[in-house]
Amino acid sequence: MTSIPNAGQAAIIEDIAAAIVANKAWLSEIDGKIGDGDHGSNMAKGFGRAAERIHGRDITLDGAMLILSEILMDEIGGSMGPLYGLMFEDMAGAIAGLAEIDAETFSRMLNAGLQGVQGVGNAQVGDKTLIDTLVPAVQAFDAARSEGFGPALRAMMTAAEQGRDSTIDLVARIGRSSRLGERSRGVLDAGATSCCLILTSLGTSVLQRLP
């Protein structure tokens, strides 16, 4: 069974952080069209701090996720920080203590993160939120898991991008942007976009480490 070790994988979280920081301006631009316009700056601050704190440390993937989770929940503003913080906390819990992470355990990790997000909100697919990215991505990984870890990761990333793009044609039903009604159509959702960045960066980073 193809897998990666859990130990020494802090760089995976650093890769995700680098993608968020690099897209700071874009995320804020998207958010500014139907939201507060601070999504990019808040996300970059939280993920950037996490990258600084884990850099060079020999820690497990779940350990790095917990550091990121704590920073997102305690040190940045907005509604998305705590939500992503909970997602990474639950993902970390699903792989804590494991020596290896294979397709099965990665699936458990993804589903734990999804359940964590769904447990604190009422958003459904079609509501123009990060759920529009996260749900199809997790479903695609699970559907392709029998083909192998690598193909499942690629399916996850493709579905994440498709989910992100689907929000352009949706009307926001949850959160601040829902007050705009039809005026929220025609714009990407910032949360769905940052979720896509997280998942595609995670998938790419893990793929690079597969034997």
C-alpha atoms as a PDB file:
ATOM      1  CA  MET A   1       0.000   0.000   0.000  1.00  0.00           C
ATOM      2  CA  THR A   2       1.406   3.374  -1.030  1.00  0.00           C
ATOM      3  CA  SER A   3       1.751   5.758   1.884  1.00  0.00           C
ATOM      4  CA  ILE A   4       3.765   8.588   3.370  1.00  0.00           C
ATOM      5  CA  PRO A   5       5.201   8.672   6.894  1.00  0.00           C
ATOM      6  CA  ASN A   6       3.394  10.855   9.398  1.00  0.00           C
ATOM      7  CA  ALA A   7       6.683  11.909  10.972  1.00  0.00           C
ATOM      8  CA  GLY A   8       8.644  14.859   9.655  1.00  0.00           C
ATOM      9  CA  GLN A   9       5.878  16.260   7.466  1.00  0.00           C
ATOM     10  CA  ALA A  10       5.637  19.839   8.718  1.00  0.00           C
ATOM     11  CA  ALA A  11       6.671  20.997   5.231  1.00  0.00           C
ATOM     12  CA  ILE A  12       3.270  19.903   3.890  1.00  0.00           C
ATOM     13  CA  ILE A  13       1.624  22.583   6.005  1.00  0.00           C
ATOM     14  CA  GLU A  14       4.322  25.049   4.951  1.00  0.00           C
ATOM     15  CA  ASP A  15       3.407  24.322   1.312  1.00  0.00           C
ATOM     16  CA  ILE A  16      -0.248  25.061   2.019  1.00  0.00           C
ATOM     17  CA  ALA A  17       0.699  28.254   3.839  1.00  0.00           C
ATOM     18  CA  ALA A  18       2.858  29.371   0.915  1.00  0.00           C
ATOM     19  CA  ALA A  19      -0.080  28.979  -1.465  1.00  0.00           C
ATOM     20  CA  ILE A  20      -2.380  31.000   0.797  1.00  0.00           C
ATOM     21  CA  VAL A  21       0.178  33.779   1.290  1.00  0.00           C
ATOM     22  CA  ALA A  22       0.924  33.926  -2.447  1.00  0.00           C
ATOM     23  CA  ASN A  23      -2.787  34.382  -3.189  1.00  0.00           C
ATOM     24  CA  LYS A  24      -3.474  36.901  -0.399  1.00  0.00           C
ATOM     25  CA  ALA A  25      -4.384  39.757  -2.735  1.00  0.00           C
ATOM     26  CA  TRP A  26      -6.572  37.577  -4.962  1.00  0.00           C
ATOM     27  CA  LEU A  27      -8.538  36.190  -2.005  1.00  0.00           C
ATOM     28  CA  SER A  28      -9.140  39.680  -0.652  1.00  0.00           C
ATOM     29  CA  GLU A  29     -10.157  40.936  -4.092  1.00  0.00           C
ATOM     30  CA  ILE A  30     -12.726  38.165  -4.420  1.00  0.00           C
ATOM     31  CA  ASP A  31     -13.993  38.728  -0.892  1.00  0.00           C
ATOM     32  CA  GLY A  32     -14.240  42.460  -1.464  1.00  0.00           C
ATOM     33  CA  LYS A  33     -16.822  41.991  -4.200  1.00  0.00           C
ATOM     34  CA  ILE A  34     -19.458  40.438  -1.938  1.00  0.00           C
ATOM     35  CA  GLY A  35     -17.901  40.422   1.535  1.00  0.00           C
ATOM     36  CA  ASP A  36     -15.645  42.344   3.895  1.00  0.00           C
ATOM     37  CA  GLY A  37     -12.555  42.127   1.709  1.00  0.00           C
ATOM     38  CA  ASP A  38     -10.349  40.828   4.512  1.00  0.00           C
ATOM     39  CA  HIS A  39     -10.318  37.107   3.763  1.00  0.00           C
ATOM     40  CA  GLY A  40      -6.931  37.146   2.084  1.00  0.00           C
ATOM     41  CA  SER A  41      -5.210  39.209   4.759  1.00  0.00           C
ATOM     42  CA  ASN A  42      -6.674  37.166   7.617  1.00  0.00           C
ATOM     43  CA  MET A  43      -5.819  33.852   5.991  1.00  0.00           C
ATOM     44  CA  ALA A  44      -2.309  34.940   5.033  1.00  0.00           C
ATOM     45  CA  LYS A  45      -1.673  36.165   8.565  1.00  0.00           C
ATOM     46  CA  GLY A  46      -2.777  32.896  10.164  1.00  0.00           C
ATOM     47  CA  PHE A  47      -1.141  30.503   7.725  1.00  0.00           C
ATOM     48  CA  GLY A  48       1.994  32.640   7.545  1.00  0.00           C
ATOM     49  CA  ARG A  49       2.413  32.584  11.318  1.00  0.00           C
ATOM     50  CA  ALA A  50       1.923  28.832  11.370  1.00  0.00           C
ATOM     51  CA  ALA A  51       4.593  28.353   8.709  1.00  0.00           C
ATOM     52  CA  GLU A  52       7.035  30.414  10.754  1.00  0.00           C
ATOM     53  CA  ARG A  53       6.381  28.401  13.908  1.00  0.00           C
ATOM     54  CA  ILE A  54       6.733  24.982  12.344  1.00  0.00           C
ATOM     55  CA  HIS A  55       9.625  25.754   9.996  1.00  0.00           C
ATOM     56  CA  GLY A  56      12.615  23.533  10.623  1.00  0.00           C
ATOM     57  CA  ARG A  57      10.885  21.495  13.312  1.00  0.00           C
ATOM     58  CA  ASP A  58      10.818  17.711  13.128  1.00  0.00           C
ATOM     59  CA  ILE A  59       7.145  17.153  13.824  1.00  0.00           C
ATOM     60  CA  THR A  60       4.367  14.978  12.459  1.00  0.00           C
ATOM     61  CA  LEU A  61       1.744  16.112   9.990  1.00  0.00           C
ATOM     62  CA  ASP A  62      -0.915  16.048  12.697  1.00  0.00           C
ATOM     63  CA  GLY A  63       1.371  18.026  14.998  1.00  0.00           C
ATOM     64  CA  ALA A  64       1.822  20.710  12.336  1.00  0.00           C
ATOM     65  CA  MET A  65      -1.926  20.764  11.731  1.00  0.00           C
ATOM     66  CA  LEU A  66      -2.568  21.343  15.416  1.00  0.00           C
ATOM     67  CA  ILE A  67      -0.205  24.312  15.482  1.00  0.00           C
ATOM     68  CA  LEU A  68      -1.993  25.762  12.449  1.00  0.00           C
ATOM     69  CA  SER A  69      -5.368  25.074  14.068  1.00  0.00           C
ATOM     70  CA  GLU A  70      -4.462  26.874  17.270  1.00  0.00           C
ATOM     71  CA  ILE A  71      -3.258  29.950  15.415  1.00  0.00           C
ATOM     72  CA  LEU A  72      -6.325  30.092  13.162  1.00  0.00           C
ATOM     73  CA  MET A  73      -8.698  29.819  16.115  1.00  0.00           C
ATOM     74  CA  ASP A  74      -6.868  32.110  18.518  1.00  0.00           C
ATOM     75  CA  GLU A  75      -4.966  34.712  16.558  1.00  0.00           C
ATOM     76  CA  ILE A  76      -6.843  35.845  13.447  1.00  0.00           C
ATOM     77  CA  GLY A  77     -10.122  37.616  12.906  1.00  0.00           C
ATOM     78  CA  GLY A  78     -13.101  36.895  10.725  1.00  0.00           C
ATOM     79  CA  SER A  79     -15.366  33.885  10.637  1.00  0.00           C
ATOM     80  CA  MET A  80     -13.172  31.650   8.492  1.00  0.00           C
ATOM     81  CA  GLY A  81     -10.234  31.368  10.892  1.00  0.00           C
ATOM     82  CA  PRO A  82     -12.124  29.441  13.570  1.00  0.00           C
ATOM     83  CA  LEU A  83     -13.869  27.342  10.925  1.00  0.00           C
ATOM     84  CA  TYR A  84     -10.629  26.286   9.260  1.00  0.00           C
ATOM     85  CA  GLY A  85      -9.046  25.928  12.694  1.00  0.00           C
ATOM     86  CA  LEU A  86     -11.684  23.381  13.643  1.00  0.00           C
ATOM     87  CA  MET A  87     -11.271  21.600  10.319  1.00  0.00           C
ATOM     88  CA  PHE A  88      -7.527  21.152  10.816  1.00  0.00           C
ATOM     89  CA  GLU A  89      -7.992  20.157  14.459  1.00  0.00           C
ATOM     90  CA  ASP A  90     -10.355  17.361  13.457  1.00  0.00           C
ATOM     91  CA  MET A  91      -8.110  16.312  10.572  1.00  0.00           C
ATOM     92  CA  ALA A  92      -5.173  16.113  12.974  1.00  0.00           C
ATOM     93  CA  GLY A  93      -7.177  13.989  15.379  1.00  0.00           C
ATOM     94  CA  ALA A  94      -7.948  11.471  12.656  1.00  0.00           C
ATOM     95  CA  ILE A  95      -4.267  10.725  11.982  1.00  0.00           C
ATOM     96  CA  ALA A  96      -2.764  11.309  15.442  1.00  0.00           C
ATOM     97  CA  GLY A  97      -0.456   8.503  16.513  1.00  0.00           C
ATOM     98  CA  LEU A  98      -0.275   6.879  13.085  1.00  0.00           C
ATOM     99  CA  ALA A  99       3.112   5.934  11.676  1.00  0.00           C
ATOM    100  CA  GLU A 100       1.940   5.959   8.056  1.00  0.00           C
ATOM    101  CA  ILE A 101      -0.744   7.787   6.115  1.00  0.00           C
ATOM    102  CA  ASP A 102      -2.234   5.832   3.231  1.00  0.00           C
ATOM    103  CA  ALA A 103      -5.328   6.399   1.108  1.00  0.00           C
ATOM    104  CA  GLU A 104      -7.629   4.930   3.753  1.00  0.00           C
ATOM    105  CA  THR A 105      -6.298   7.051   6.601  1.00  0.00           C
ATOM    106  CA  PHE A 106      -6.153  10.135   4.363  1.00  0.00           C
ATOM    107  CA  SER A 107      -9.841   9.566   3.626  1.00  0.00           C
ATOM    108  CA  ARG A 108     -10.587   9.398   7.341  1.00  0.00           C
ATOM    109  CA  MET A 109      -8.687  12.634   7.774  1.00  0.00           C
ATOM    110  CA  LEU A 110     -10.605  14.407   5.009  1.00  0.00           C
ATOM    111  CA  ASN A 111     -13.962  13.189   6.249  1.00  0.00           C
ATOM    112  CA  ALA A 112     -13.151  14.228   9.821  1.00  0.00           C
ATOM    113  CA  GLY A 113     -12.378  17.738   8.590  1.00  0.00           C
ATOM    114  CA  LEU A 114     -15.579  17.858   6.581  1.00  0.00           C
ATOM    115  CA  GLN A 115     -17.668  16.661   9.519  1.00  0.00           C
ATOM    116  CA  GLY A 116     -16.056  19.279  11.722  1.00  0.00           C
ATOM    117  CA  VAL A 117     -17.000  22.074   9.347  1.00  0.00           C
ATOM    118  CA  GLN A 118     -20.519  20.748   8.830  1.00  0.00           C
ATOM    119  CA  GLY A 119     -20.985  20.371  12.561  1.00  0.00           C
ATOM    120  CA  VAL A 120     -20.765  24.101  13.238  1.00  0.00           C
ATOM    121  CA  GLY A 121     -22.836  25.428  10.369  1.00  0.00           C
ATOM    122  CA  ASN A 122     -25.911  24.787   8.288  1.00  0.00           C
ATOM    123  CA  ALA A 123     -24.319  25.300   4.877  1.00  0.00           C
ATOM    124  CA  GLN A 124     -25.135  22.829   2.148  1.00  0.00           C
ATOM    125  CA  VAL A 125     -23.756  22.329  -1.338  1.00  0.00           C
ATOM    126  CA  GLY A 126     -25.230  25.117  -3.445  1.00  0.00           C
ATOM    127  CA  ASP A 127     -25.168  27.773  -0.716  1.00  0.00           C
ATOM    128  CA  LYS A 128     -21.995  29.422  -2.123  1.00  0.00           C
ATOM    129  CA  THR A 129     -19.577  28.570   0.679  1.00  0.00           C
ATOM    130  CA  LEU A 130     -16.433  26.493   1.179  1.00  0.00           C
ATOM    131  CA  ILE A 131     -18.769  23.466   1.373  1.00  0.00           C
ATOM    132  CA  ASP A 132     -19.160  23.719  -2.409  1.00  0.00           C
ATOM    133  CA  THR A 133     -15.460  22.902  -2.683  1.00  0.00           C
ATOM    134  CA  LEU A 134     -14.963  20.602   0.281  1.00  0.00           C
ATOM    135  CA  VAL A 135     -17.853  18.163  -0.205  1.00  0.00           C
ATOM    136  CA  PRO A 136     -17.197  17.242  -3.860  1.00  0.00           C
ATOM    137  CA  ALA A 137     -13.453  17.044  -3.208  1.00  0.00           C
ATOM    138  CA  VAL A 138     -13.891  14.548  -0.366  1.00  0.00           C
ATOM    139  CA  GLN A 139     -16.444  12.579  -2.351  1.00  0.00           C
ATOM    140  CA  ALA A 140     -14.138  12.443  -5.373  1.00  0.00           C
ATOM    141  CA  PHE A 141     -11.220  11.195  -3.281  1.00  0.00           C
ATOM    142  CA  ASP A 142     -13.329   8.436  -1.788  1.00  0.00           C
ATOM    143  CA  ALA A 143     -14.770   7.447  -5.165  1.00  0.00           C
ATOM    144  CA  ALA A 144     -11.283   7.105  -6.683  1.00  0.00           C
ATOM    145  CA  ARG A 145      -9.598   5.522  -3.662  1.00  0.00           C
ATOM    146  CA  SER A 146      -9.739   2.018  -5.118  1.00  0.00           C
ATOM    147  CA  GLU A 147      -7.572   3.253  -8.008  1.00  0.00           C
ATOM    148  CA  GLY A 148      -4.740   4.147  -5.641  1.00  0.00           C
ATOM    149  CA  PHE A 149      -3.578   7.009  -3.453  1.00  0.00           C
ATOM    150  CA  GLY A 150      -2.170   9.096  -6.301  1.00  0.00           C
ATOM    151  CA  PRO A 151      -5.223   8.907  -8.578  1.00  0.00           C
ATOM    152  CA  ALA A 152      -7.489   9.661  -5.604  1.00  0.00           C
ATOM    153  CA  LEU A 153      -5.472  12.780  -4.767  1.00  0.00           C
ATOM    154  CA  ARG A 154      -5.688  13.964  -8.370  1.00  0.00           C
ATOM    155  CA  ALA A 155      -9.437  13.355  -8.406  1.00  0.00           C
ATOM    156  CA  MET A 156      -9.753  15.351  -5.173  1.00  0.00           C
ATOM    157  CA  MET A 157      -7.866  18.301  -6.638  1.00  0.00           C
ATOM    158  CA  THR A 158      -9.891  18.309  -9.862  1.00  0.00           C
ATOM    159  CA  ALA A 159     -13.158  18.191  -7.927  1.00  0.00           C
ATOM    160  CA  ALA A 160     -11.985  20.982  -5.622  1.00  0.00           C
ATOM    161  CA  GLU A 161     -11.343  23.236  -8.614  1.00  0.00           C
ATOM    162  CA  GLN A 162     -14.703  22.367 -10.148  1.00  0.00           C
ATOM    163  CA  GLY A 163     -16.431  23.023  -6.841  1.00  0.00           C
ATOM    164  CA  ARG A 164     -14.727  26.389  -6.496  1.00  0.00           C
ATOM    165  CA  ASP A 165     -15.734  27.379 -10.028  1.00  0.00           C
ATOM    166  CA  SER A 166     -19.335  26.276  -9.442  1.00  0.00           C
ATOM    167  CA  THR A 167     -19.784  29.100  -6.934  1.00  0.00           C
ATOM    168  CA  ILE A 168     -19.602  31.730  -9.690  1.00  0.00           C
ATOM    169  CA  ASP A 169     -23.145  30.902 -10.772  1.00  0.00           C
ATOM    170  CA  LEU A 170     -24.561  30.517  -7.264  1.00  0.00           C
ATOM    171  CA  VAL A 171     -26.497  32.984  -5.119  1.00  0.00           C
ATOM    172  CA  ALA A 172     -25.129  33.245  -1.575  1.00  0.00           C
ATOM    173  CA  ARG A 173     -27.500  31.853   1.041  1.00  0.00           C
ATOM    174  CA  ILE A 174     -25.213  31.872   4.089  1.00  0.00           C
ATOM    175  CA  GLY A 175     -23.247  34.661   5.766  1.00  0.00           C
ATOM    176  CA  ARG A 176     -22.835  38.348   5.093  1.00  0.00           C
ATOM    177  CA  SER A 177     -22.944  38.022   1.319  1.00  0.00           C
ATOM    178  CA  SER A 178     -26.391  36.393   1.484  1.00  0.00           C
ATOM    179  CA  ARG A 179     -27.859  39.863   2.022  1.00  0.00           C
ATOM    180  CA  LEU A 180     -26.928  40.742  -1.547  1.00  0.00           C
ATOM    181  CA  GLY A 181     -29.245  38.136  -3.040  1.00  0.00           C
ATOM    182  CA  GLU A 182     -28.912  37.980  -6.831  1.00  0.00           C
ATOM    183  CA  ARG A 183     -26.071  40.509  -6.726  1.00  0.00           C
ATOM    184  CA  SER A 184     -23.853  37.796  -5.268  1.00  0.00           C
ATOM    185  CA  ARG A 185     -24.097  35.814  -8.487  1.00  0.00           C
ATOM    186  CA  GLY A 186     -21.228  36.030 -10.947  1.00  0.00           C
ATOM    187  CA  VAL A 187     -18.434  36.088  -8.361  1.00  0.00           C
ATOM    188  CA  LEU A 188     -16.355  33.278  -6.875  1.00  0.00           C
ATOM    189  CA  ASP A 189     -16.898  32.610  -3.188  1.00  0.00           C
ATOM    190  CA  ALA A 190     -13.788  33.517  -1.212  1.00  0.00           C
ATOM    191  CA  GLY A 191     -14.123  30.594   1.208  1.00  0.00           C
ATOM    192  CA  ALA A 192     -14.605  28.106  -1.609  1.00  0.00           C
ATOM    193  CA  THR A 193     -11.529  29.589  -3.286  1.00  0.00           C
ATOM    194  CA  SER A 194      -9.289  29.377  -0.218  1.00  0.00           C
ATOM    195  CA  CYS A 195     -10.537  25.844   0.439  1.00  0.00           C
ATOM    196  CA  CYS A 196      -9.534  24.915  -3.105  1.00  0.00           C
ATOM    197  CA  LEU A 197      -6.077  26.378  -2.518  1.00  0.00           C
ATOM    198  CA  ILE A 198      -5.748  24.337   0.674  1.00  0.00           C
ATOM    199  CA  LEU A 199      -6.849  21.074  -0.913  1.00  0.00           C
ATOM    200  CA  THR A 200      -4.875  21.421  -4.144  1.00  0.00           C
ATOM    201  CA  SER A 201      -1.743  22.394  -2.216  1.00  0.00           C
ATOM    202  CA  LEU A 202      -2.266  19.496   0.188  1.00  0.00           C
ATOM    203  CA  GLY A 203      -2.789  17.074  -2.681  1.00  0.00           C
ATOM    204  CA  THR A 204       0.231  18.298  -4.620  1.00  0.00           C
ATOM    205  CA  SER A 205       2.472  18.187  -1.558  1.00  0.00           C
ATOM    206  CA  VAL A 206       1.445  14.646  -0.640  1.00  0.00           C
ATOM    207  CA  LEU A 207       1.813  13.471  -4.257  1.00  0.00           C
ATOM    208  CA  GLN A 208       5.391  14.723  -4.281  1.00  0.00           C
ATOM    209  CA  ARG A 209       6.154  12.576  -1.251  1.00  0.00           C
ATOM    210  CA  LEU A 210       4.584   9.334  -2.448  1.00  0.00           C
ATOM    211  CA  PRO A 211       7.099   6.595  -3.300  1.00  0.00           C
END
